[in-house]
Amino acid sequence: MYAAGDVRIENVPDARLIEPNDALVTVTRAAICGSDLWPYRTMEQSDGGRRMGHEFIGVVEAVGADVRTVKAGDLVVSPFLWSDGTCVFCREGLHTSCLHGGRYGFDDVDGGQGEAVRVPQADGTLVVLPVGRDDALMPSLLTLSDVMGTGHHAALAAETGPGKTAAVVGDGAVGLCGVIAAKRLGAERIIILGRHPDRIALATAFGATDVVSERGDEAVERVRELTGGFGAHSVLECVGLAGSTRTALEIARPGGAIGRVGLPQEEVIPEALPTFFGNLTISGGPAPVRAYIEELLPDVLEGRIEPGRVFDRVGPLDEVPDGYRAMNERGAIKALIEF
């Protein structure tokens, strides 16, 4: 990506092993993330461009001398951040704060929207998949790299559980996976806040029981009507804009919890006094999806959840610029790249 709206396909030097804990992965499936749309809308002109992509599945081609848990020929999924799996934060399940981790597309590490990736800290990052590279479950398995784990993180941060009402703010891929996560964790009632008919239909299929298409004050009023005037026990904020954050905070019932996973576009959290006096828990952040893959993987493999249904556009690498455009214009929920 060279600037806002300027995504190009280019030939670059082949990925290669550099450190002894690296793995070299040939990508078979990748995705465009909703968070990729923020630079797509706002990035300033760059002479060198920025490698894009952080969601991918691929085949290990080679490993460094210190790698022990993956080998050449393994089909693997990578979380959207790489981590060592052994530092104090990884051991606590917070891989996003790994002392030796990092982001794809920066510091001589390839982006996932390309034919090959050098994966640092391979032992702590990659998870071997027990299926063939063309298995029908590939779309759902790919969501474990980010959006399904992120929806799950939102649901956990919002303290979703049996007997509770959960409200999901945002009908993008993460919000839709948040519906799956809330259903999986036993929420009795799930309210989806969104207004796109195709996404609402998918949310309903995933387990949403109520739909709120209004926005702002009208959305808050409608959620309170649906909840006897109290609000939702658990609110999953899956957008990150000031308006969506305000709505999320205002629809939580006293003593409730908000799980924020939408990348914040404002420096300050609104509604400071009402959330204080309402004893609301505000939690969340970038999802440590590496901590969740082993938990969610069996449900995908056994067909209990189908998060891959969020992919409604599939194409080759050459169509990635069009995929960005379609997602940015709300013509697609999420684009999958097949190599």
Protein backbone atom coordinates (compact mmCIF):
# COMPACT_ATOMS: atom_id res chain seq x y z
CA MET A 1 0.00 0.00 0.00
CA TYR A 2 1.51 3.31 -1.11
CA ALA A 3 -1.20 5.69 0.05
CA ALA A 4 -4.88 5.81 0.86
CA GLY A 5 -6.68 3.85 -1.85
CA ASP A 6 -3.41 2.89 -3.58
CA VAL A 7 -2.81 -0.88 -3.30
CA ARG A 8 -0.54 -2.54 -5.85
CA ILE A 9 0.65 -6.05 -6.62
CA GLU A 10 4.44 -6.11 -6.95
CA ASN A 11 7.30 -8.57 -7.26
CA VAL A 12 9.54 -8.38 -4.20
CA PRO A 13 12.63 -10.36 -3.09
CA ASP A 14 11.77 -13.90 -2.05
CA ALA A 15 11.12 -14.49 1.64
CA ARG A 16 13.98 -16.37 3.29
CA LEU A 17 15.11 -17.65 6.68
CA ILE A 18 17.13 -15.10 8.64
CA GLU A 19 16.99 -16.08 12.33
CA PRO A 20 17.28 -19.62 13.73
CA ASN A 21 13.73 -19.41 15.14
CA ASP A 22 12.21 -18.51 11.73
CA ALA A 23 9.93 -20.58 9.53
CA LEU A 24 9.45 -19.97 5.83
CA VAL A 25 5.78 -20.38 4.87
CA THR A 26 4.29 -20.53 1.38
CA VAL A 27 0.85 -18.94 1.65
CA THR A 28 -2.17 -20.90 0.43
CA ARG A 29 -4.98 -18.71 1.83
CA ALA A 30 -4.97 -15.14 3.11
CA ALA A 31 -7.49 -12.42 3.88
CA ILE A 32 -8.09 -8.70 3.92
CA CYS A 33 -8.87 -7.46 7.42
CA GLY A 34 -11.21 -4.68 8.44
CA SER A 35 -8.25 -3.06 10.19
CA ASP A 36 -6.49 -2.92 6.80
CA LEU A 37 -9.17 -0.45 5.75
CA TRP A 38 -7.98 2.21 8.19
CA PRO A 39 -4.71 2.82 6.30
CA TYR A 40 -6.62 2.29 3.05
CA ARG A 41 -8.66 5.34 4.00
CA THR A 42 -6.03 7.48 5.70
CA MET A 43 -2.46 6.46 4.82
CA GLU A 44 -0.18 9.27 3.67
CA GLN A 45 1.94 8.87 0.54
CA SER A 46 4.89 6.52 1.01
CA ASP A 47 7.79 6.14 -1.42
CA GLY A 48 8.57 2.56 -0.44
CA GLY A 49 5.08 1.30 0.27
CA ARG A 50 3.97 -0.93 3.11
CA ARG A 51 3.61 -4.71 2.95
CA MET A 52 0.04 -5.62 3.85
CA GLY A 53 -1.76 -8.55 5.39
CA HIS A 54 -1.63 -10.48 8.66
CA GLU A 55 -4.13 -13.33 8.25
CA PHE A 56 -2.87 -16.43 6.46
CA ILE A 57 -2.63 -20.19 6.22
CA GLY A 58 0.26 -21.85 4.44
CA VAL A 59 2.69 -24.71 4.07
CA VAL A 60 6.03 -24.68 5.88
CA GLU A 61 8.83 -24.83 3.32
CA ALA A 62 11.82 -24.63 5.69
CA VAL A 63 12.63 -23.93 9.33
CA GLY A 64 15.57 -22.45 11.20
CA ALA A 65 17.92 -24.55 13.28
CA ASP A 66 16.15 -23.79 16.58
CA VAL A 67 12.58 -24.56 15.46
CA ARG A 68 11.11 -27.66 17.10
CA THR A 69 7.30 -27.67 16.83
CA VAL A 70 6.78 -27.29 13.08
CA LYS A 71 8.56 -28.85 10.13
CA ALA A 72 8.66 -28.65 6.36
CA GLY A 73 5.40 -29.86 4.84
CA ASP A 74 3.17 -28.88 7.76
CA LEU A 75 0.03 -26.88 7.00
CA VAL A 76 -0.12 -24.06 9.53
CA VAL A 77 -2.24 -21.09 10.55
CA SER A 78 -0.65 -17.95 11.94
CA PRO A 79 -2.17 -15.48 14.39
CA PHE A 80 -2.12 -11.88 13.19
CA LEU A 81 0.87 -11.15 15.45
CA TRP A 82 3.92 -13.32 16.03
CA SER A 83 5.04 -14.18 19.56
CA ASP A 84 7.54 -16.44 21.32
CA GLY A 85 5.01 -18.30 23.48
CA THR A 86 7.37 -18.37 26.44
CA CYS A 87 7.66 -14.85 27.87
CA VAL A 88 5.78 -13.79 31.00
CA PHE A 89 2.88 -12.31 29.01
CA CYS A 90 2.53 -15.26 26.62
CA ARG A 91 2.40 -17.59 29.62
CA GLU A 92 -0.47 -15.46 30.93
CA GLY A 93 -2.31 -15.81 27.61
CA LEU A 94 -1.56 -12.25 26.48
CA HIS A 95 0.45 -12.97 23.35
CA THR A 96 -0.26 -9.49 21.98
CA SER A 97 2.11 -8.11 24.63
CA CYS A 98 4.88 -10.62 23.93
CA LEU A 99 8.28 -9.22 24.89
CA HIS A 100 9.80 -10.63 21.70
CA GLY A 101 6.82 -10.43 19.33
CA GLY A 102 5.88 -8.17 16.48
CA ARG A 103 3.67 -7.36 13.50
CA TYR A 104 3.67 -8.68 9.98
CA GLY A 105 4.69 -6.18 7.33
CA PHE A 106 7.22 -4.37 9.52
CA ASP A 107 10.93 -4.72 10.39
CA ASP A 108 11.88 -6.97 7.46
CA VAL A 109 8.96 -9.32 8.08
CA ASP A 110 6.71 -10.05 5.10
CA GLY A 111 3.01 -9.27 4.94
CA GLY A 112 0.46 -12.06 4.75
CA GLN A 113 -1.05 -10.83 1.46
CA GLY A 114 1.78 -12.32 -0.55
CA GLU A 115 3.08 -15.64 -1.80
CA ALA A 116 5.47 -16.34 1.08
CA VAL A 117 6.19 -15.12 4.60
CA ARG A 118 9.12 -15.35 6.96
CA VAL A 119 7.54 -16.09 10.35
CA PRO A 120 9.72 -15.14 13.33
CA GLN A 121 9.33 -17.06 16.60
CA ALA A 122 7.80 -19.95 14.68
CA ASP A 123 7.48 -22.27 17.67
CA GLY A 124 5.43 -19.76 19.63
CA THR A 125 3.39 -18.53 16.68
CA LEU A 126 2.37 -21.21 14.20
CA VAL A 127 -0.28 -23.87 14.83
CA VAL A 128 -0.29 -27.05 12.74
CA LEU A 129 -3.65 -27.86 11.13
CA PRO A 130 -4.70 -31.54 10.93
CA VAL A 131 -6.27 -31.23 7.46
CA GLY A 132 -5.19 -31.07 3.83
CA ARG A 133 -4.42 -27.75 2.18
CA ASP A 134 -7.63 -27.80 0.10
CA ASP A 135 -9.98 -28.93 2.86
CA ALA A 136 -13.48 -27.44 2.67
CA LEU A 137 -12.95 -25.96 6.13
CA MET A 138 -10.19 -23.62 4.93
CA PRO A 139 -12.30 -20.41 5.18
CA SER A 140 -13.31 -21.17 8.76
CA LEU A 141 -9.79 -22.21 9.72
CA LEU A 142 -8.47 -18.96 8.28
CA THR A 143 -10.73 -16.97 10.62
CA LEU A 144 -8.73 -18.39 13.54
CA SER A 145 -5.87 -16.12 12.46
CA ASP A 146 -7.88 -13.08 13.51
CA VAL A 147 -11.61 -12.42 13.27
CA MET A 148 -12.98 -15.48 15.08
CA GLY A 149 -10.43 -15.11 17.85
CA THR A 150 -11.14 -11.38 18.01
CA GLY A 151 -14.89 -11.93 18.29
CA HIS A 152 -14.20 -14.48 21.01
CA HIS A 153 -11.97 -11.98 22.83
CA ALA A 154 -14.75 -9.37 22.72
CA ALA A 155 -17.22 -11.85 24.17
CA LEU A 156 -14.84 -12.86 26.96
CA ALA A 157 -13.99 -9.23 27.80
CA ALA A 158 -17.72 -8.47 27.91
CA GLU A 159 -18.18 -11.33 30.39
CA THR A 160 -20.67 -13.08 28.12
CA GLY A 161 -22.22 -16.19 29.61
CA PRO A 162 -25.32 -18.29 30.21
CA GLY A 163 -28.49 -16.38 31.02
CA LYS A 164 -27.09 -13.05 29.87
CA THR A 165 -28.11 -10.67 27.12
CA ALA A 166 -25.27 -9.76 24.77
CA ALA A 167 -25.36 -6.85 22.34
CA VAL A 168 -22.94 -6.79 19.40
CA VAL A 169 -22.16 -3.35 17.97
CA GLY A 170 -21.07 -3.73 14.35
CA ASP A 171 -22.04 -6.17 11.61
CA GLY A 172 -18.61 -6.60 10.02
CA ALA A 173 -16.68 -9.86 10.10
CA VAL A 174 -15.55 -9.35 13.70
CA GLY A 175 -19.05 -8.46 14.87
CA LEU A 176 -20.48 -11.50 13.11
CA CYS A 177 -17.86 -13.69 14.76
CA GLY A 178 -18.77 -11.97 18.02
CA VAL A 179 -22.30 -13.30 17.55
CA ILE A 180 -20.87 -16.80 17.10
CA ALA A 181 -18.76 -16.34 20.21
CA ALA A 182 -21.65 -15.05 22.32
CA LYS A 183 -23.81 -17.99 21.23
CA ARG A 184 -20.96 -20.41 21.93
CA LEU A 185 -20.51 -19.00 25.45
CA GLY A 186 -24.18 -19.48 26.23
CA ALA A 187 -25.76 -16.03 25.92
CA GLU A 188 -29.51 -16.32 26.24
CA ARG A 189 -30.24 -13.35 24.01
CA ILE A 190 -28.04 -11.76 21.34
CA ILE A 191 -28.81 -8.34 19.87
CA ILE A 192 -26.98 -7.39 16.67
CA LEU A 193 -26.66 -3.68 15.93
CA GLY A 194 -26.28 -3.31 12.16
CA ARG A 195 -28.15 -2.25 9.08
CA HIS A 196 -26.91 -4.28 6.09
CA PRO A 197 -29.48 -6.95 5.14
CA ASP A 198 -26.95 -9.59 4.03
CA ARG A 199 -24.96 -9.22 7.23
CA ILE A 200 -28.06 -9.22 9.41
CA ALA A 201 -29.19 -12.45 7.75
CA LEU A 202 -25.83 -14.01 8.52
CA ALA A 203 -25.92 -12.76 12.11
CA THR A 204 -29.33 -14.33 12.54
CA ALA A 205 -28.04 -17.61 11.15
CA PHE A 206 -25.17 -17.41 13.64
CA GLY A 207 -27.54 -16.99 16.58
CA ALA A 208 -28.65 -13.35 16.88
CA THR A 209 -32.14 -13.18 18.36
CA ASP A 210 -32.85 -9.47 17.85
CA VAL A 211 -31.84 -6.82 15.31
CA VAL A 212 -31.39 -3.10 15.95
CA SER A 213 -30.86 -1.14 12.74
CA GLU A 214 -31.17 2.32 14.27
CA ARG A 215 -28.12 4.38 15.13
CA GLY A 216 -27.13 6.80 17.88
CA ASP A 217 -29.76 7.74 20.44
CA GLU A 218 -32.43 5.77 18.59
CA ALA A 219 -30.32 2.62 18.80
CA VAL A 220 -29.80 3.13 22.52
CA GLU A 221 -33.52 3.62 23.04
CA ARG A 222 -34.35 0.51 21.03
CA VAL A 223 -31.90 -1.71 22.95
CA ARG A 224 -33.32 -0.48 26.21
CA GLU A 225 -36.84 -1.27 24.97
CA LEU A 226 -35.73 -4.81 24.19
CA THR A 227 -34.16 -5.24 27.62
CA GLY A 228 -36.92 -3.94 29.85
CA GLY A 229 -35.21 -0.57 30.18
CA PHE A 230 -32.05 -2.01 31.72
CA GLY A 231 -29.61 -2.54 28.83
CA ALA A 232 -27.43 -5.52 27.95
CA HIS A 233 -25.29 -7.43 30.42
CA SER A 234 -22.52 -7.84 27.83
CA VAL A 235 -21.68 -5.45 25.00
CA LEU A 236 -19.21 -6.31 22.23
CA GLU A 237 -17.84 -3.16 20.55
CA CYS A 238 -16.51 -4.32 17.19
CA VAL A 239 -16.08 -1.08 15.20
CA GLY A 240 -13.87 1.41 17.03
CA LEU A 241 -15.46 4.68 15.91
CA ALA A 242 -16.48 7.34 18.42
CA GLY A 243 -20.18 6.82 17.66
CA SER A 244 -20.08 3.05 18.00
CA THR A 245 -18.10 3.31 21.24
CA ARG A 246 -20.58 5.76 22.71
CA THR A 247 -23.47 3.50 21.72
CA ALA A 248 -21.76 0.49 23.27
CA LEU A 249 -21.25 2.29 26.56
CA GLU A 250 -24.80 3.63 26.66
CA ILE A 251 -26.55 0.30 26.02
CA ALA A 252 -24.79 -1.57 28.84
CA ARG A 253 -26.88 -2.14 31.95
CA PRO A 254 -25.56 -1.09 35.37
CA GLY A 255 -22.90 -3.56 36.45
CA GLY A 256 -22.47 -4.74 32.87
CA ALA A 257 -19.30 -5.16 30.83
CA ILE A 258 -18.08 -3.85 27.49
CA GLY A 259 -15.53 -5.76 25.41
CA ARG A 260 -13.76 -3.37 23.02
CA VAL A 261 -12.00 -4.92 20.03
CA GLY A 262 -12.67 -2.32 17.35
CA LEU A 263 -9.44 -0.40 16.66
CA PRO A 264 -10.12 2.94 18.43
CA GLN A 265 -10.20 5.99 16.22
CA GLU A 266 -10.41 8.41 19.14
CA GLU A 267 -7.95 9.07 21.95
CA VAL A 268 -10.55 9.44 24.69
CA ILE A 269 -13.29 7.02 25.80
CA PRO A 270 -16.61 8.92 26.00
CA GLU A 271 -19.25 8.80 28.74
CA ALA A 272 -16.75 8.87 31.61
CA LEU A 273 -19.22 9.85 34.35
CA PRO A 274 -22.16 7.59 33.36
CA THR A 275 -19.88 4.55 33.03
CA PHE A 276 -18.32 5.36 36.41
CA PHE A 277 -21.63 5.67 38.22
CA GLY A 278 -22.99 2.64 36.39
CA ASN A 279 -20.16 0.46 37.69
CA LEU A 280 -19.42 -0.68 34.15
CA THR A 281 -16.43 -2.82 33.31
CA ILE A 282 -14.62 -1.61 30.18
CA SER A 283 -12.13 -4.12 28.85
CA GLY A 284 -10.69 -5.54 25.65
CA GLY A 285 -7.94 -4.66 23.20
CA PRO A 286 -6.07 -6.48 20.45
CA ALA A 287 -7.08 -10.11 20.74
CA PRO A 288 -4.40 -12.61 21.80
CA VAL A 289 -5.75 -15.04 19.21
CA ARG A 290 -2.80 -17.41 19.65
CA ALA A 291 -4.19 -18.14 23.12
CA TYR A 292 -7.57 -19.11 21.64
CA ILE A 293 -6.71 -21.22 18.58
CA GLU A 294 -6.49 -24.58 20.35
CA GLU A 295 -9.80 -23.87 22.13
CA LEU A 296 -11.70 -22.86 18.99
CA LEU A 297 -10.09 -25.30 16.54
CA PRO A 298 -12.12 -28.39 17.57
CA ASP A 299 -15.39 -26.51 17.14
CA VAL A 300 -14.37 -25.58 13.59
CA LEU A 301 -13.13 -29.07 12.72
CA GLU A 302 -16.30 -30.68 14.04
CA GLY A 303 -18.62 -28.16 12.38
CA ARG A 304 -20.11 -26.67 15.53
CA ILE A 305 -19.24 -23.18 14.33
CA GLU A 306 -18.85 -21.91 10.75
CA PRO A 307 -17.10 -18.54 10.93
CA GLY A 308 -15.80 -18.97 7.36
CA ARG A 309 -19.22 -17.88 6.16
CA VAL A 310 -18.10 -14.27 6.73
CA PHE A 311 -16.05 -14.56 3.53
CA ASP A 312 -18.33 -13.45 0.72
CA ARG A 313 -15.65 -12.60 -1.84
CA VAL A 314 -12.94 -15.00 -3.07
CA GLY A 315 -10.26 -14.23 -5.61
CA PRO A 316 -6.57 -14.55 -6.51
CA LEU A 317 -3.77 -12.24 -5.43
CA ASP A 318 -4.20 -10.04 -8.50
CA GLU A 319 -7.68 -9.07 -7.29
CA VAL A 320 -6.58 -7.81 -3.87
CA PRO A 321 -6.89 -4.11 -4.83
CA ASP A 322 -10.48 -4.78 -5.92
CA GLY A 323 -11.06 -6.64 -2.66
CA TYR A 324 -9.99 -3.59 -0.67
CA ARG A 325 -12.28 -1.42 -2.75
CA ALA A 326 -15.24 -3.75 -2.30
CA MET A 327 -14.80 -3.99 1.46
CA ASN A 328 -14.32 -0.25 1.81
CA GLU A 329 -17.53 0.40 -0.14
CA ARG A 330 -19.45 -2.20 1.89
CA GLY A 331 -19.80 -4.36 -1.20
CA ALA A 332 -18.17 -7.26 0.60
CA ILE A 333 -17.98 -8.35 4.23
CA LYS A 334 -14.55 -9.96 3.98
CA ALA A 335 -12.33 -10.98 1.08
CA LEU A 336 -10.45 -14.27 0.93
CA ILE A 337 -7.32 -14.63 -1.22
CA GLU A 338 -6.57 -18.01 -2.78
CA PHE A 339 -3.08 -18.79 -4.05
